[in-house]
Amino acid sequence: MPDEEAPDGAQEKPPGNPFVNPIIHAPENQQPAHKQNDGAPPNNQDEATKLQQDIRTGEKWLIGIQCTTLVFTAIVAWIYYGQLTQMRIATEASAKAANAASEAVDTSMLNMDRQMQQVVNQTASQARFGERCPRCRAVRCTFR
């Protein structure tokens, strides 16, 4: 309240407009941030140089990693090409083997047909020679 006094150490409100901020002065032993120290380069420039060196080092590492990746990719592509060549050779060989097997089956079927025809002819011949001759009634007749 307005009649009361402020406690010790507390300051009263300054007279005037309450929306205006008072100017705060830096202590006398502290230098402003924009002043340089005795001709030494500013700390920001040292940090910028260090940051620039770090970026260059990082870029060199990235280039090295990318070159290594390129070399390994080329090696993998060469291996894949060799595998593809071997697969083509194997495919041609298996196609030749399949054709040879097909021809063997065809030949075997023809041989079996011939053999069966021979068995039929032989059986018919044996049956014919096993009959008795109607003229002489002999089993083995030469007049037939």
C-alpha atoms as a PDB file:
ATOM      1  CA  MET A   1       0.000   0.000   0.000  1.00  0.00           C
ATOM      2  CA  PRO A   2       0.996   3.430  -0.650  1.00  0.00           C
ATOM      3  CA  ASP A   3       1.573   4.412   2.995  1.00  0.00           C
ATOM      4  CA  GLU A   4       3.936   1.580   3.762  1.00  0.00           C
ATOM      5  CA  GLU A   5       7.654   1.899   3.494  1.00  0.00           C
ATOM      6  CA  ALA A   6       9.799  -0.473   1.469  1.00  0.00           C
ATOM      7  CA  PRO A   7      11.816  -3.032   3.444  1.00  0.00           C
ATOM      8  CA  ASP A   8      15.555  -2.541   3.780  1.00  0.00           C
ATOM      9  CA  GLY A   9      17.502  -3.297   0.585  1.00  0.00           C
ATOM     10  CA  ALA A  10      14.419  -3.057  -1.607  1.00  0.00           C
ATOM     11  CA  GLN A  11      14.217  -0.199  -3.997  1.00  0.00           C
ATOM     12  CA  GLU A  12      11.217   1.861  -4.581  1.00  0.00           C
ATOM     13  CA  LYS A  13       9.779   2.159  -8.060  1.00  0.00           C
ATOM     14  CA  PRO A  14      11.440   4.883 -10.080  1.00  0.00           C
ATOM     15  CA  PRO A  15       9.228   7.809 -10.875  1.00  0.00           C
ATOM     16  CA  GLY A  16       8.040   8.194 -14.403  1.00  0.00           C
ATOM     17  CA  ASN A  17       6.597   5.900 -17.058  1.00  0.00           C
ATOM     18  CA  PRO A  18       6.501   2.272 -15.782  1.00  0.00           C
ATOM     19  CA  PHE A  19       6.689   0.882 -19.350  1.00  0.00           C
ATOM     20  CA  VAL A  20      10.135   2.324 -20.051  1.00  0.00           C
ATOM     21  CA  ASN A  21      12.990   0.000 -19.109  1.00  0.00           C
ATOM     22  CA  PRO A  22      15.939   1.551 -17.393  1.00  0.00           C
ATOM     23  CA  ILE A  23      19.336   1.366 -19.153  1.00  0.00           C
ATOM     24  CA  ILE A  24      21.548  -1.323 -17.665  1.00  0.00           C
ATOM     25  CA  HIS A  25      25.266  -0.587 -17.732  1.00  0.00           C
ATOM     26  CA  ALA A  26      27.948  -3.282 -17.853  1.00  0.00           C
ATOM     27  CA  PRO A  27      30.297  -3.520 -14.886  1.00  0.00           C
ATOM     28  CA  GLU A  28      33.473  -1.493 -15.263  1.00  0.00           C
ATOM     29  CA  ASN A  29      35.842  -4.498 -15.257  1.00  0.00           C
ATOM     30  CA  GLN A  30      34.020  -6.259 -18.134  1.00  0.00           C
ATOM     31  CA  GLN A  31      34.744  -5.266 -21.725  1.00  0.00           C
ATOM     32  CA  PRO A  32      31.990  -5.106 -24.317  1.00  0.00           C
ATOM     33  CA  ALA A  33      31.723  -8.180 -26.607  1.00  0.00           C
ATOM     34  CA  HIS A  34      32.595  -6.249 -29.757  1.00  0.00           C
ATOM     35  CA  LYS A  35      36.054  -5.136 -28.601  1.00  0.00           C
ATOM     36  CA  GLN A  36      39.178  -7.203 -29.443  1.00  0.00           C
ATOM     37  CA  ASN A  37      41.742  -8.335 -26.914  1.00  0.00           C
ATOM     38  CA  ASP A  38      45.205  -6.829 -27.431  1.00  0.00           C
ATOM     39  CA  GLY A  39      45.507  -7.528 -31.191  1.00  0.00           C
ATOM     40  CA  ALA A  40      44.849 -11.274 -30.873  1.00  0.00           C
ATOM     41  CA  PRO A  41      42.545 -12.752 -33.548  1.00  0.00           C
ATOM     42  CA  PRO A  42      38.959 -13.026 -32.441  1.00  0.00           C
ATOM     43  CA  ASN A  43      37.789 -16.333 -31.044  1.00  0.00           C
ATOM     44  CA  ASN A  44      35.108 -16.620 -33.737  1.00  0.00           C
ATOM     45  CA  GLN A  45      37.735 -16.733 -36.490  1.00  0.00           C
ATOM     46  CA  ASP A  46      39.577 -19.582 -34.726  1.00  0.00           C
ATOM     47  CA  GLU A  47      36.320 -21.473 -34.414  1.00  0.00           C
ATOM     48  CA  ALA A  48      35.504 -20.828 -38.085  1.00  0.00           C
ATOM     49  CA  THR A  49      38.939 -22.088 -39.157  1.00  0.00           C
ATOM     50  CA  LYS A  50      38.561 -25.211 -37.011  1.00  0.00           C
ATOM     51  CA  LEU A  51      35.069 -25.803 -38.375  1.00  0.00           C
ATOM     52  CA  GLN A  52      36.370 -25.393 -41.926  1.00  0.00           C
ATOM     53  CA  GLN A  53      39.136 -27.946 -41.264  1.00  0.00           C
ATOM     54  CA  ASP A  54      36.614 -30.374 -39.754  1.00  0.00           C
ATOM     55  CA  ILE A  55      34.384 -30.036 -42.803  1.00  0.00           C
ATOM     56  CA  ARG A  56      37.307 -30.624 -45.166  1.00  0.00           C
ATOM     57  CA  THR A  57      38.347 -33.696 -43.171  1.00  0.00           C
ATOM     58  CA  GLY A  58      34.794 -34.998 -43.337  1.00  0.00           C
ATOM     59  CA  GLU A  59      34.651 -34.392 -47.076  1.00  0.00           C
ATOM     60  CA  LYS A  60      37.931 -36.288 -47.541  1.00  0.00           C
ATOM     61  CA  TRP A  61      36.515 -39.200 -45.556  1.00  0.00           C
ATOM     62  CA  LEU A  62      33.330 -39.177 -47.651  1.00  0.00           C
ATOM     63  CA  ILE A  63      35.339 -39.174 -50.879  1.00  0.00           C
ATOM     64  CA  GLY A  64      37.463 -42.062 -49.572  1.00  0.00           C
ATOM     65  CA  ILE A  65      34.403 -44.067 -48.548  1.00  0.00           C
ATOM     66  CA  GLN A  66      32.754 -43.447 -51.925  1.00  0.00           C
ATOM     67  CA  CYS A  67      35.902 -44.516 -53.805  1.00  0.00           C
ATOM     68  CA  THR A  68      36.133 -47.674 -51.694  1.00  0.00           C
ATOM     69  CA  THR A  69      32.458 -48.377 -52.385  1.00  0.00           C
ATOM     70  CA  LEU A  70      33.076 -47.914 -56.097  1.00  0.00           C
ATOM     71  CA  VAL A  71      35.972 -50.396 -56.029  1.00  0.00           C
ATOM     72  CA  PHE A  72      33.931 -52.993 -54.124  1.00  0.00           C
ATOM     73  CA  THR A  73      30.969 -52.478 -56.449  1.00  0.00           C
ATOM     74  CA  ALA A  74      33.216 -53.064 -59.470  1.00  0.00           C
ATOM     75  CA  ILE A  75      34.575 -56.262 -57.884  1.00  0.00           C
ATOM     76  CA  VAL A  76      31.044 -57.519 -57.148  1.00  0.00           C
ATOM     77  CA  ALA A  77      29.951 -56.709 -60.729  1.00  0.00           C
ATOM     78  CA  TRP A  78      32.950 -58.662 -62.074  1.00  0.00           C
ATOM     79  CA  ILE A  79      32.029 -61.649 -59.881  1.00  0.00           C
ATOM     80  CA  TYR A  80      28.406 -61.493 -61.049  1.00  0.00           C
ATOM     81  CA  TYR A  81      29.547 -61.368 -64.668  1.00  0.00           C
ATOM     82  CA  GLY A  82      31.659 -64.497 -64.125  1.00  0.00           C
ATOM     83  CA  GLN A  83      28.698 -66.286 -62.545  1.00  0.00           C
ATOM     84  CA  LEU A  84      26.457 -65.264 -65.438  1.00  0.00           C
ATOM     85  CA  THR A  85      28.985 -66.628 -67.947  1.00  0.00           C
ATOM     86  CA  GLN A  86      29.155 -69.951 -66.086  1.00  0.00           C
ATOM     87  CA  MET A  87      25.362 -70.162 -65.920  1.00  0.00           C
ATOM     88  CA  ARG A  88      25.117 -69.635 -69.676  1.00  0.00           C
ATOM     89  CA  ILE A  89      27.656 -72.421 -70.273  1.00  0.00           C
ATOM     90  CA  ALA A  90      25.748 -74.727 -67.901  1.00  0.00           C
ATOM     91  CA  THR A  91      22.449 -73.901 -69.633  1.00  0.00           C
ATOM     92  CA  GLU A  92      23.880 -74.797 -73.037  1.00  0.00           C
ATOM     93  CA  ALA A  93      25.286 -78.069 -71.653  1.00  0.00           C
ATOM     94  CA  SER A  94      21.977 -79.007 -70.028  1.00  0.00           C
ATOM     95  CA  ALA A  95      20.107 -78.215 -73.264  1.00  0.00           C
ATOM     96  CA  LYS A  96      22.485 -80.528 -75.155  1.00  0.00           C
ATOM     97  CA  ALA A  97      21.970 -83.243 -72.516  1.00  0.00           C
ATOM     98  CA  ALA A  98      18.179 -82.869 -72.739  1.00  0.00           C
ATOM     99  CA  ASN A  99      18.308 -83.162 -76.542  1.00  0.00           C
ATOM    100  CA  ALA A 100      20.547 -86.247 -76.311  1.00  0.00           C
ATOM    101  CA  ALA A 101      18.164 -87.855 -73.795  1.00  0.00           C
ATOM    102  CA  SER A 102      15.191 -87.126 -76.042  1.00  0.00           C
ATOM    103  CA  GLU A 103      16.961 -88.690 -79.030  1.00  0.00           C
ATOM    104  CA  ALA A 104      17.911 -91.706 -76.912  1.00  0.00           C
ATOM    105  CA  VAL A 105      14.282 -92.212 -75.898  1.00  0.00           C
ATOM    106  CA  ASP A 106      13.157 -91.976 -79.528  1.00  0.00           C
ATOM    107  CA  THR A 107      15.805 -94.489 -80.629  1.00  0.00           C
ATOM    108  CA  SER A 108      14.895 -96.809 -77.779  1.00  0.00           C
ATOM    109  CA  MET A 109      11.205 -96.675 -78.736  1.00  0.00           C
ATOM    110  CA  LEU A 110      12.050 -97.537 -82.359  1.00  0.00           C
ATOM    111  CA  ASN A 111      14.242-100.457 -81.255  1.00  0.00           C
ATOM    112  CA  MET A 112      11.505-101.712 -78.949  1.00  0.00           C
ATOM    113  CA  ASP A 113       8.951-101.551 -81.775  1.00  0.00           C
ATOM    114  CA  ARG A 114      11.290-103.551 -84.019  1.00  0.00           C
ATOM    115  CA  GLN A 115      11.941-106.130 -81.326  1.00  0.00           C
ATOM    116  CA  MET A 116       8.241-106.529 -80.603  1.00  0.00           C
ATOM    117  CA  GLN A 117       7.551-107.005 -84.324  1.00  0.00           C
ATOM    118  CA  GLN A 118      10.272-109.660 -84.434  1.00  0.00           C
ATOM    119  CA  VAL A 119       8.772-111.423 -81.395  1.00  0.00           C
ATOM    120  CA  VAL A 120       5.327-111.401 -83.058  1.00  0.00           C
ATOM    121  CA  ASN A 121       6.753-112.743 -86.331  1.00  0.00           C
ATOM    122  CA  GLN A 122       8.737-115.437 -84.527  1.00  0.00           C
ATOM    123  CA  THR A 123       5.726-116.508 -82.495  1.00  0.00           C
ATOM    124  CA  ALA A 124       3.553-116.673 -85.600  1.00  0.00           C
ATOM    125  CA  SER A 125       6.247-118.677 -87.383  1.00  0.00           C
ATOM    126  CA  GLN A 126       6.552-121.103 -84.501  1.00  0.00           C
ATOM    127  CA  ALA A 127       2.794-121.512 -84.393  1.00  0.00           C
ATOM    128  CA  ARG A 128       2.680-122.199 -88.124  1.00  0.00           C
ATOM    129  CA  PHE A 129       5.450-124.783 -87.950  1.00  0.00           C
ATOM    130  CA  GLY A 130       3.850-126.426 -84.961  1.00  0.00           C
ATOM    131  CA  GLU A 131       0.687-127.313 -86.866  1.00  0.00           C
ATOM    132  CA  ARG A 132       0.247-130.645 -88.579  1.00  0.00           C
ATOM    133  CA  CYS A 133       0.348-130.710 -92.309  1.00  0.00           C
ATOM    134  CA  PRO A 134      -3.121-131.412 -93.745  1.00  0.00           C
ATOM    135  CA  ARG A 135      -1.663-133.628 -96.474  1.00  0.00           C
ATOM    136  CA  CYS A 136       0.791-135.829 -94.559  1.00  0.00           C
ATOM    137  CA  ARG A 137      -0.301-135.111 -91.026  1.00  0.00           C
ATOM    138  CA  ALA A 138       3.348-134.670 -89.983  1.00  0.00           C
ATOM    139  CA  VAL A 139       4.387-131.949 -87.577  1.00  0.00           C
ATOM    140  CA  ARG A 140       7.343-130.930 -89.672  1.00  0.00           C
ATOM    141  CA  CYS A 141       6.388-131.126 -93.229  1.00  0.00           C
ATOM    142  CA  THR A 142       8.338-129.737 -96.137  1.00  0.00           C
ATOM    143  CA  PHE A 143       5.326-129.546 -98.452  1.00  0.00           C
ATOM    144  CA  ARG A 144       3.843-126.545 -96.985  1.00  0.00           C
END
